[in-house]
């Protein structure tokens, strides 16, 4: 994923929004609490879905979420925001896959970009009997063979 630096935030790299994120969805009024704020759990669910798609593609099969590490919320998501989840595999274990997910929004009507949250989600590849499926059965020789996959 190509990156560029946003003016005013020299330590943050902003994704190129024209490049496809793993998941893109608009926050709607039904996703809010009584105070009108988008539920953090809704954002978390979107990130989990993006991570699962990435892990399933990498493992070439079914995966389940087994953990979330280092979840950080930076800014709120507002009704109408376009939520964009960018994901990349950062670690492959015996049957597990760790996926870093960086989530940005473009504010409704203004297109102002903001990083709203980031986290590392861990998935386990499973077989049809829901047992862990070893990574040496996934169909490639090295961890970086599919490095261009997000």
C-alpha atoms as a PDB file:
ATOM      1  CA  UNK A   1       0.000   0.000   0.000  1.00  0.00           C
ATOM      2  CA  UNK A   2       1.504   3.308  -0.942  1.00  0.00           C
ATOM      3  CA  UNK A   3       1.694   5.952   1.747  1.00  0.00           C
ATOM      4  CA  UNK A   4       1.963   9.729   1.860  1.00  0.00           C
ATOM      5  CA  UNK A   5       2.445  12.135   4.723  1.00  0.00           C
ATOM      6  CA  UNK A   6      -0.425  14.467   5.595  1.00  0.00           C
ATOM      7  CA  UNK A   7       0.448  18.081   6.280  1.00  0.00           C
ATOM      8  CA  UNK A   8       0.328  18.916   9.966  1.00  0.00           C
ATOM      9  CA  UNK A   9       0.920  15.329  11.098  1.00  0.00           C
ATOM     10  CA  UNK A  10       4.568  14.613  10.222  1.00  0.00           C
ATOM     11  CA  UNK A  11       4.724  11.321  12.148  1.00  0.00           C
ATOM     12  CA  UNK A  12       1.664   9.729  10.572  1.00  0.00           C
ATOM     13  CA  UNK A  13       1.481   8.132   7.147  1.00  0.00           C
ATOM     14  CA  UNK A  14      -1.864   8.438   5.479  1.00  0.00           C
ATOM     15  CA  UNK A  15      -3.007   5.711   3.062  1.00  0.00           C
ATOM     16  CA  UNK A  16      -3.824   6.529  -0.540  1.00  0.00           C
ATOM     17  CA  UNK A  17      -7.619   6.407  -0.373  1.00  0.00           C
ATOM     18  CA  UNK A  18      -7.889   5.695  -4.103  1.00  0.00           C
ATOM     19  CA  UNK A  19      -6.167   2.346  -3.531  1.00  0.00           C
ATOM     20  CA  UNK A  20      -8.511  -0.372  -2.350  1.00  0.00           C
ATOM     21  CA  UNK A  21      -8.695  -0.995   1.371  1.00  0.00           C
ATOM     22  CA  UNK A  22      -9.643  -4.476   2.542  1.00  0.00           C
ATOM     23  CA  UNK A  23     -12.985  -3.080   3.721  1.00  0.00           C
ATOM     24  CA  UNK A  24     -14.796   0.206   3.136  1.00  0.00           C
ATOM     25  CA  UNK A  25     -18.146   1.051   4.763  1.00  0.00           C
ATOM     26  CA  UNK A  26     -20.145   4.130   5.753  1.00  0.00           C
ATOM     27  CA  UNK A  27     -21.093   4.688   9.423  1.00  0.00           C
ATOM     28  CA  UNK A  28     -24.860   5.044   9.687  1.00  0.00           C
ATOM     29  CA  UNK A  29     -27.206   6.295  12.445  1.00  0.00           C
ATOM     30  CA  UNK A  30     -28.093   2.686  13.369  1.00  0.00           C
ATOM     31  CA  UNK A  31     -24.413   2.216  14.389  1.00  0.00           C
ATOM     32  CA  UNK A  32     -24.615   4.800  17.182  1.00  0.00           C
ATOM     33  CA  UNK A  33     -25.373   4.864  20.884  1.00  0.00           C
ATOM     34  CA  UNK A  34     -28.112   7.116  22.370  1.00  0.00           C
ATOM     35  CA  UNK A  35     -25.651  10.039  22.476  1.00  0.00           C
ATOM     36  CA  UNK A  36     -25.124   9.801  18.709  1.00  0.00           C
ATOM     37  CA  UNK A  37     -21.567   8.456  18.817  1.00  0.00           C
ATOM     38  CA  UNK A  38     -20.610   5.455  16.678  1.00  0.00           C
ATOM     39  CA  UNK A  39     -20.099   2.414  18.914  1.00  0.00           C
ATOM     40  CA  UNK A  40     -16.468   1.349  19.333  1.00  0.00           C
ATOM     41  CA  UNK A  41     -17.759  -2.219  19.075  1.00  0.00           C
ATOM     42  CA  UNK A  42     -19.085  -1.496  15.581  1.00  0.00           C
ATOM     43  CA  UNK A  43     -15.640  -0.243  14.518  1.00  0.00           C
ATOM     44  CA  UNK A  44     -14.044  -3.301  16.127  1.00  0.00           C
ATOM     45  CA  UNK A  45     -16.407  -5.590  14.187  1.00  0.00           C
ATOM     46  CA  UNK A  46     -15.447  -3.925  10.892  1.00  0.00           C
ATOM     47  CA  UNK A  47     -11.757  -4.366  11.712  1.00  0.00           C
ATOM     48  CA  UNK A  48     -12.328  -8.020  12.640  1.00  0.00           C
ATOM     49  CA  UNK A  49     -14.080  -8.621   9.304  1.00  0.00           C
ATOM     50  CA  UNK A  50     -11.218  -6.968   7.380  1.00  0.00           C
ATOM     51  CA  UNK A  51      -8.630  -8.977   9.291  1.00  0.00           C
ATOM     52  CA  UNK A  52     -10.525 -12.236   8.762  1.00  0.00           C
ATOM     53  CA  UNK A  53     -10.710 -11.617   5.000  1.00  0.00           C
ATOM     54  CA  UNK A  54      -6.968 -11.013   4.909  1.00  0.00           C
ATOM     55  CA  UNK A  55      -6.156 -14.056   7.052  1.00  0.00           C
ATOM     56  CA  UNK A  56      -8.509 -16.336   5.100  1.00  0.00           C
ATOM     57  CA  UNK A  57      -6.955 -15.283   1.804  1.00  0.00           C
ATOM     58  CA  UNK A  58      -3.455 -15.826   3.188  1.00  0.00           C
ATOM     59  CA  UNK A  59      -4.281 -19.231   4.715  1.00  0.00           C
ATOM     60  CA  UNK A  60      -6.423 -20.254   1.748  1.00  0.00           C
ATOM     61  CA  UNK A  61      -9.251 -21.355   4.010  1.00  0.00           C
ATOM     62  CA  UNK A  62     -11.438 -20.721   7.017  1.00  0.00           C
ATOM     63  CA  UNK A  63     -10.123 -18.748  10.008  1.00  0.00           C
ATOM     64  CA  UNK A  64     -11.381 -17.792  13.473  1.00  0.00           C
ATOM     65  CA  UNK A  65     -10.428 -14.808  15.622  1.00  0.00           C
ATOM     66  CA  UNK A  66      -8.499 -15.848  18.746  1.00  0.00           C
ATOM     67  CA  UNK A  67      -7.152 -12.544  20.032  1.00  0.00           C
ATOM     68  CA  UNK A  68      -6.808  -8.806  19.716  1.00  0.00           C
ATOM     69  CA  UNK A  69      -3.607  -7.075  20.788  1.00  0.00           C
ATOM     70  CA  UNK A  70      -2.772  -3.411  21.215  1.00  0.00           C
ATOM     71  CA  UNK A  71      -6.133  -1.974  20.173  1.00  0.00           C
ATOM     72  CA  UNK A  72      -5.962   1.822  20.176  1.00  0.00           C
ATOM     73  CA  UNK A  73      -8.742   4.302  19.428  1.00  0.00           C
ATOM     74  CA  UNK A  74      -7.348   7.661  18.258  1.00  0.00           C
ATOM     75  CA  UNK A  75     -10.423   9.620  17.156  1.00  0.00           C
ATOM     76  CA  UNK A  76     -14.185   9.046  17.107  1.00  0.00           C
ATOM     77  CA  UNK A  77     -16.028   7.784  14.045  1.00  0.00           C
ATOM     78  CA  UNK A  78     -18.978  10.016  13.170  1.00  0.00           C
ATOM     79  CA  UNK A  79     -22.229   9.242  11.381  1.00  0.00           C
ATOM     80  CA  UNK A  80     -21.625   9.499   7.643  1.00  0.00           C
ATOM     81  CA  UNK A  81     -17.877   8.835   7.853  1.00  0.00           C
ATOM     82  CA  UNK A  82     -16.415   6.479   5.271  1.00  0.00           C
ATOM     83  CA  UNK A  83     -14.506   3.880   7.294  1.00  0.00           C
ATOM     84  CA  UNK A  84     -11.496   2.319   5.524  1.00  0.00           C
ATOM     85  CA  UNK A  85      -9.665  -0.708   6.980  1.00  0.00           C
ATOM     86  CA  UNK A  86      -6.176  -1.421   5.633  1.00  0.00           C
ATOM     87  CA  UNK A  87      -4.692  -4.765   6.687  1.00  0.00           C
ATOM     88  CA  UNK A  88      -1.385  -6.593   6.347  1.00  0.00           C
ATOM     89  CA  UNK A  89      -0.100  -9.901   7.629  1.00  0.00           C
ATOM     90  CA  UNK A  90       2.709  -9.284  10.105  1.00  0.00           C
ATOM     91  CA  UNK A  91       3.322 -12.758  11.494  1.00  0.00           C
ATOM     92  CA  UNK A  92       2.582 -16.369  10.566  1.00  0.00           C
ATOM     93  CA  UNK A  93       2.839 -19.068  13.221  1.00  0.00           C
ATOM     94  CA  UNK A  94       2.205 -22.807  13.217  1.00  0.00           C
ATOM     95  CA  UNK A  95      -1.512 -22.310  12.505  1.00  0.00           C
ATOM     96  CA  UNK A  96      -1.989 -18.631  13.371  1.00  0.00           C
ATOM     97  CA  UNK A  97      -1.832 -15.391  11.440  1.00  0.00           C
ATOM     98  CA  UNK A  98      -1.384 -11.953  13.026  1.00  0.00           C
ATOM     99  CA  UNK A  99      -2.873  -9.112  10.994  1.00  0.00           C
ATOM    100  CA  UNK A 100      -2.174  -5.418  11.635  1.00  0.00           C
ATOM    101  CA  UNK A 101      -5.209  -3.289  10.838  1.00  0.00           C
ATOM    102  CA  UNK A 102      -4.971   0.457  10.351  1.00  0.00           C
ATOM    103  CA  UNK A 103      -8.365   2.184  10.174  1.00  0.00           C
ATOM    104  CA  UNK A 104      -8.957   5.616   8.684  1.00  0.00           C
ATOM    105  CA  UNK A 105     -12.049   7.654   7.925  1.00  0.00           C
ATOM    106  CA  UNK A 106     -12.871  10.296   5.399  1.00  0.00           C
ATOM    107  CA  UNK A 107     -15.284  12.687   7.072  1.00  0.00           C
ATOM    108  CA  UNK A 108     -18.682  12.986   5.435  1.00  0.00           C
ATOM    109  CA  UNK A 109     -18.813  15.711   2.765  1.00  0.00           C
ATOM    110  CA  UNK A 110     -15.407  17.190   3.694  1.00  0.00           C
ATOM    111  CA  UNK A 111     -13.180  14.198   2.780  1.00  0.00           C
ATOM    112  CA  UNK A 112     -10.901  15.127   5.704  1.00  0.00           C
ATOM    113  CA  UNK A 113      -8.835  12.007   6.507  1.00  0.00           C
ATOM    114  CA  UNK A 114      -8.268  10.832  10.075  1.00  0.00           C
ATOM    115  CA  UNK A 115      -6.689   7.734  11.554  1.00  0.00           C
ATOM    116  CA  UNK A 116      -9.319   6.497  13.971  1.00  0.00           C
ATOM    117  CA  UNK A 117      -7.960   3.206  15.270  1.00  0.00           C
ATOM    118  CA  UNK A 118      -5.367   0.503  14.859  1.00  0.00           C
ATOM    119  CA  UNK A 119      -4.798  -2.933  16.273  1.00  0.00           C
ATOM    120  CA  UNK A 120      -3.336  -6.379  15.774  1.00  0.00           C
ATOM    121  CA  UNK A 121      -5.792  -9.249  15.391  1.00  0.00           C
ATOM    122  CA  UNK A 122      -4.743 -12.898  15.603  1.00  0.00           C
ATOM    123  CA  UNK A 123      -6.564 -15.611  13.686  1.00  0.00           C
ATOM    124  CA  UNK A 124      -6.166 -19.387  13.571  1.00  0.00           C
ATOM    125  CA  UNK A 125      -6.667 -21.301  10.344  1.00  0.00           C
ATOM    126  CA  UNK A 126      -9.086 -24.186  10.864  1.00  0.00           C
ATOM    127  CA  UNK A 127     -10.210 -27.224   8.881  1.00  0.00           C
ATOM    128  CA  UNK A 128     -13.737 -28.522   8.267  1.00  0.00           C
ATOM    129  CA  UNK A 129     -13.727 -30.121  11.741  1.00  0.00           C
ATOM    130  CA  UNK A 130     -12.797 -26.741  13.310  1.00  0.00           C
ATOM    131  CA  UNK A 131      -9.325 -27.995  14.255  1.00  0.00           C
ATOM    132  CA  UNK A 132      -6.213 -25.853  13.678  1.00  0.00           C
ATOM    133  CA  UNK A 133      -4.776 -26.227  10.182  1.00  0.00           C
ATOM    134  CA  UNK A 134      -0.943 -26.036  10.084  1.00  0.00           C
ATOM    135  CA  UNK A 135       0.591 -23.251   8.003  1.00  0.00           C
ATOM    136  CA  UNK A 136       2.806 -25.719   6.121  1.00  0.00           C
ATOM    137  CA  UNK A 137      -0.385 -26.896   4.346  1.00  0.00           C
ATOM    138  CA  UNK A 138      -1.299 -23.453   3.001  1.00  0.00           C
ATOM    139  CA  UNK A 139       0.428 -23.829  -0.360  1.00  0.00           C
ATOM    140  CA  UNK A 140       3.577 -21.683  -0.451  1.00  0.00           C
ATOM    141  CA  UNK A 141       7.204 -22.055   0.519  1.00  0.00           C
ATOM    142  CA  UNK A 142       8.106 -18.793   2.286  1.00  0.00           C
ATOM    143  CA  UNK A 143       6.334 -16.218   4.432  1.00  0.00           C
ATOM    144  CA  UNK A 144       7.141 -13.401   2.011  1.00  0.00           C
ATOM    145  CA  UNK A 145       5.946 -15.167  -1.139  1.00  0.00           C
ATOM    146  CA  UNK A 146       2.681 -13.227  -0.954  1.00  0.00           C
ATOM    147  CA  UNK A 147       4.194 -10.045   0.486  1.00  0.00           C
ATOM    148  CA  UNK A 148       2.244  -7.908  -1.955  1.00  0.00           C
ATOM    149  CA  UNK A 149      -1.048  -9.181  -0.511  1.00  0.00           C
ATOM    150  CA  UNK A 150      -2.747  -6.903   1.976  1.00  0.00           C
END
